[in-house]
Amino acid sequence: MKYYLDEDLSPKIAAILRKRRVDTVSAHEAGRLQVSDQAHLAYAAAAGRCLVTRNRNDFITLTVQFFNDHRPHAGVLIIPSSMPGDRFQIVARAIAKHASLHPQGLPPYSIDFLKA
């Protein structure tokens, strides 16, 4: 499982995940700040990475749009608002657990919700 963290998530989470051997890159590290949500999703899909975000509504809508347009999509993992975004270790631990449950990645156009 490979992940791409939306710019609403700290690059510290990506660094923690890489130390846990989870293939992760953040929008910050990729120099992809202040681009549209659609551009983030397209970038993640082109790299075969599941996009991780807190921005639930926009990415659910975009997933449907990508499906209807037959555009590539490698899944979206949504972090619930109940999970504190500044608790980097907790978020990284939950994503690492998700990766262990989905070693082959998510099916195209899948939307999953991170569990603590």
C-alpha atoms as a PDB file:
ATOM      1  CA  MET A   1       0.000   0.000   0.000  1.00  0.00           C
ATOM      2  CA  LYS A   2       1.313   3.405  -0.982  1.00  0.00           C
ATOM      3  CA  TYR A   3      -0.082   6.653   0.384  1.00  0.00           C
ATOM      4  CA  TYR A   4      -0.138  10.306  -0.613  1.00  0.00           C
ATOM      5  CA  LEU A   5      -1.033  12.697   2.207  1.00  0.00           C
ATOM      6  CA  ASP A   6      -3.164  15.677   1.248  1.00  0.00           C
ATOM      7  CA  GLU A   7      -1.771  19.075   2.213  1.00  0.00           C
ATOM      8  CA  ASP A   8      -4.175  19.237   5.169  1.00  0.00           C
ATOM      9  CA  LEU A   9      -1.985  16.621   6.903  1.00  0.00           C
ATOM     10  CA  SER A  10       1.424  17.294   8.399  1.00  0.00           C
ATOM     11  CA  PRO A  11       4.478  15.938   6.579  1.00  0.00           C
ATOM     12  CA  LYS A  12       5.575  14.711  10.019  1.00  0.00           C
ATOM     13  CA  ILE A  13       3.013  11.928   9.619  1.00  0.00           C
ATOM     14  CA  ALA A  14       4.665  10.828   6.365  1.00  0.00           C
ATOM     15  CA  ALA A  15       8.087  10.782   8.039  1.00  0.00           C
ATOM     16  CA  ILE A  16       6.768   8.642  10.905  1.00  0.00           C
ATOM     17  CA  LEU A  17       5.131   6.243   8.457  1.00  0.00           C
ATOM     18  CA  ARG A  18       8.317   5.826   6.422  1.00  0.00           C
ATOM     19  CA  LYS A  19      10.163   4.904   9.621  1.00  0.00           C
ATOM     20  CA  ARG A  20       7.517   2.180   9.983  1.00  0.00           C
ATOM     21  CA  ARG A  21       8.263   1.093   6.415  1.00  0.00           C
ATOM     22  CA  VAL A  22       4.991   2.415   4.990  1.00  0.00           C
ATOM     23  CA  ASP A  23       5.534   3.967   1.556  1.00  0.00           C
ATOM     24  CA  THR A  24       4.208   7.506   2.079  1.00  0.00           C
ATOM     25  CA  VAL A  25       4.779  10.932   0.583  1.00  0.00           C
ATOM     26  CA  SER A  26       3.100  14.174   1.583  1.00  0.00           C
ATOM     27  CA  ALA A  27       1.898  16.996  -0.635  1.00  0.00           C
ATOM     28  CA  HIS A  28       4.356  19.223   1.230  1.00  0.00           C
ATOM     29  CA  GLU A  29       7.316  17.004   0.321  1.00  0.00           C
ATOM     30  CA  ALA A  30       6.133  16.700  -3.289  1.00  0.00           C
ATOM     31  CA  GLY A  31       5.933  20.493  -3.601  1.00  0.00           C
ATOM     32  CA  ARG A  32       2.221  20.274  -4.329  1.00  0.00           C
ATOM     33  CA  LEU A  33       0.807  22.949  -2.054  1.00  0.00           C
ATOM     34  CA  GLN A  34      -2.145  25.136  -2.945  1.00  0.00           C
ATOM     35  CA  VAL A  35      -3.246  22.933  -5.836  1.00  0.00           C
ATOM     36  CA  SER A  36      -6.848  21.880  -6.304  1.00  0.00           C
ATOM     37  CA  ASP A  37      -8.284  18.782  -4.669  1.00  0.00           C
ATOM     38  CA  GLN A  38      -8.805  17.388  -8.156  1.00  0.00           C
ATOM     39  CA  ALA A  39      -5.090  17.889  -8.910  1.00  0.00           C
ATOM     40  CA  HIS A  40      -4.139  16.136  -5.657  1.00  0.00           C
ATOM     41  CA  LEU A  41      -6.339  13.154  -6.505  1.00  0.00           C
ATOM     42  CA  ALA A  42      -5.021  12.963 -10.071  1.00  0.00           C
ATOM     43  CA  TYR A  43      -1.419  13.132  -8.816  1.00  0.00           C
ATOM     44  CA  ALA A  44      -2.029  10.369  -6.270  1.00  0.00           C
ATOM     45  CA  ALA A  45      -3.753   8.170  -8.849  1.00  0.00           C
ATOM     46  CA  ALA A  46      -0.962   8.648 -11.409  1.00  0.00           C
ATOM     47  CA  ALA A  47       1.529   7.494  -8.771  1.00  0.00           C
ATOM     48  CA  GLY A  48      -0.670   4.553  -7.721  1.00  0.00           C
ATOM     49  CA  ARG A  49      -1.088   6.047  -4.257  1.00  0.00           C
ATOM     50  CA  CYS A  50      -4.133   6.100  -2.018  1.00  0.00           C
ATOM     51  CA  LEU A  51      -4.910   9.717  -1.135  1.00  0.00           C
ATOM     52  CA  VAL A  52      -5.229  10.370   2.609  1.00  0.00           C
ATOM     53  CA  THR A  53      -7.242  13.401   3.695  1.00  0.00           C
ATOM     54  CA  ARG A  54      -9.481  14.951   6.320  1.00  0.00           C
ATOM     55  CA  ASN A  55     -11.509  16.609   3.557  1.00  0.00           C
ATOM     56  CA  ARG A  56     -14.284  14.023   3.351  1.00  0.00           C
ATOM     57  CA  ASN A  57     -17.015  15.707   1.337  1.00  0.00           C
ATOM     58  CA  ASP A  58     -14.872  17.058  -1.496  1.00  0.00           C
ATOM     59  CA  PHE A  59     -13.056  13.789  -2.074  1.00  0.00           C
ATOM     60  CA  ILE A  60     -16.226  11.705  -2.012  1.00  0.00           C
ATOM     61  CA  THR A  61     -17.625  13.989  -4.724  1.00  0.00           C
ATOM     62  CA  LEU A  62     -14.367  13.827  -6.691  1.00  0.00           C
ATOM     63  CA  THR A  63     -14.273  10.037  -6.476  1.00  0.00           C
ATOM     64  CA  VAL A  64     -17.693   9.850  -8.119  1.00  0.00           C
ATOM     65  CA  GLN A  65     -16.542  12.354 -10.755  1.00  0.00           C
ATOM     66  CA  PHE A  66     -13.354  10.362 -11.483  1.00  0.00           C
ATOM     67  CA  PHE A  67     -15.422   7.169 -11.767  1.00  0.00           C
ATOM     68  CA  ASN A  68     -17.901   8.773 -14.171  1.00  0.00           C
ATOM     69  CA  ASP A  69     -15.060  10.225 -16.245  1.00  0.00           C
ATOM     70  CA  HIS A  70     -13.141   6.894 -16.278  1.00  0.00           C
ATOM     71  CA  ARG A  71     -10.127   8.641 -14.770  1.00  0.00           C
ATOM     72  CA  PRO A  72      -7.517   6.637 -12.827  1.00  0.00           C
ATOM     73  CA  HIS A  73      -8.104   6.398  -9.069  1.00  0.00           C
ATOM     74  CA  ALA A  74      -6.166   4.492  -6.398  1.00  0.00           C
ATOM     75  CA  GLY A  75      -8.550   4.975  -3.477  1.00  0.00           C
ATOM     76  CA  VAL A  76      -9.160   7.581  -0.806  1.00  0.00           C
ATOM     77  CA  LEU A  77      -8.623   7.128   2.922  1.00  0.00           C
ATOM     78  CA  ILE A  78     -10.512   9.630   5.044  1.00  0.00           C
ATOM     79  CA  ILE A  79      -9.309  10.577   8.506  1.00  0.00           C
ATOM     80  CA  PRO A  80     -12.310  11.357  10.707  1.00  0.00           C
ATOM     81  CA  SER A  81     -12.566  14.738  12.388  1.00  0.00           C
ATOM     82  CA  SER A  82     -12.646  12.935  15.739  1.00  0.00           C
ATOM     83  CA  MET A  83      -8.972  11.996  15.277  1.00  0.00           C
ATOM     84  CA  PRO A  84      -6.808  14.968  16.317  1.00  0.00           C
ATOM     85  CA  GLY A  85      -4.715  16.138  13.379  1.00  0.00           C
ATOM     86  CA  ASP A  86      -1.893  17.311  15.635  1.00  0.00           C
ATOM     87  CA  ARG A  87      -1.446  13.885  17.222  1.00  0.00           C
ATOM     88  CA  PHE A  88       0.971  12.705  14.558  1.00  0.00           C
ATOM     89  CA  GLN A  89       1.908   9.397  16.202  1.00  0.00           C
ATOM     90  CA  ILE A  90      -1.740   8.403  16.653  1.00  0.00           C
ATOM     91  CA  VAL A  91      -2.612   9.229  13.051  1.00  0.00           C
ATOM     92  CA  ALA A  92       0.499   7.453  11.739  1.00  0.00           C
ATOM     93  CA  ARG A  93      -0.219   4.366  13.864  1.00  0.00           C
ATOM     94  CA  ALA A  94      -3.755   4.162  12.481  1.00  0.00           C
ATOM     95  CA  ILE A  95      -2.553   4.572   8.879  1.00  0.00           C
ATOM     96  CA  ALA A  96       0.141   1.919   9.409  1.00  0.00           C
ATOM     97  CA  LYS A  97      -2.536  -0.454  10.681  1.00  0.00           C
ATOM     98  CA  HIS A  98      -4.641   0.328   7.608  1.00  0.00           C
ATOM     99  CA  ALA A  99      -1.624  -0.447   5.394  1.00  0.00           C
ATOM    100  CA  SER A 100      -1.139  -3.808   7.088  1.00  0.00           C
ATOM    101  CA  LEU A 101      -4.788  -4.683   6.418  1.00  0.00           C
ATOM    102  CA  HIS A 102      -4.555  -3.636   2.746  1.00  0.00           C
ATOM    103  CA  PRO A 103      -1.068  -4.607   1.525  1.00  0.00           C
ATOM    104  CA  GLN A 104      -2.191  -4.645  -2.132  1.00  0.00           C
ATOM    105  CA  GLY A 105      -3.889  -1.249  -1.847  1.00  0.00           C
ATOM    106  CA  LEU A 106      -7.530  -0.344  -2.169  1.00  0.00           C
ATOM    107  CA  PRO A 107      -9.603  -1.208  -5.218  1.00  0.00           C
ATOM    108  CA  PRO A 108     -10.001   1.701  -7.664  1.00  0.00           C
ATOM    109  CA  TYR A 109     -12.641   4.258  -6.657  1.00  0.00           C
ATOM    110  CA  SER A 110     -12.757   2.949  -3.083  1.00  0.00           C
ATOM    111  CA  ILE A 111     -13.347   5.248  -0.151  1.00  0.00           C
ATOM    112  CA  ASP A 112     -12.302   3.972   3.256  1.00  0.00           C
ATOM    113  CA  PHE A 113     -12.499   5.592   6.671  1.00  0.00           C
ATOM    114  CA  LEU A 114      -9.565   5.399   9.051  1.00  0.00           C
ATOM    115  CA  LYS A 115     -10.218   3.767  12.398  1.00  0.00           C
ATOM    116  CA  ALA A 116      -8.208   4.556  15.501  1.00  0.00           C
END
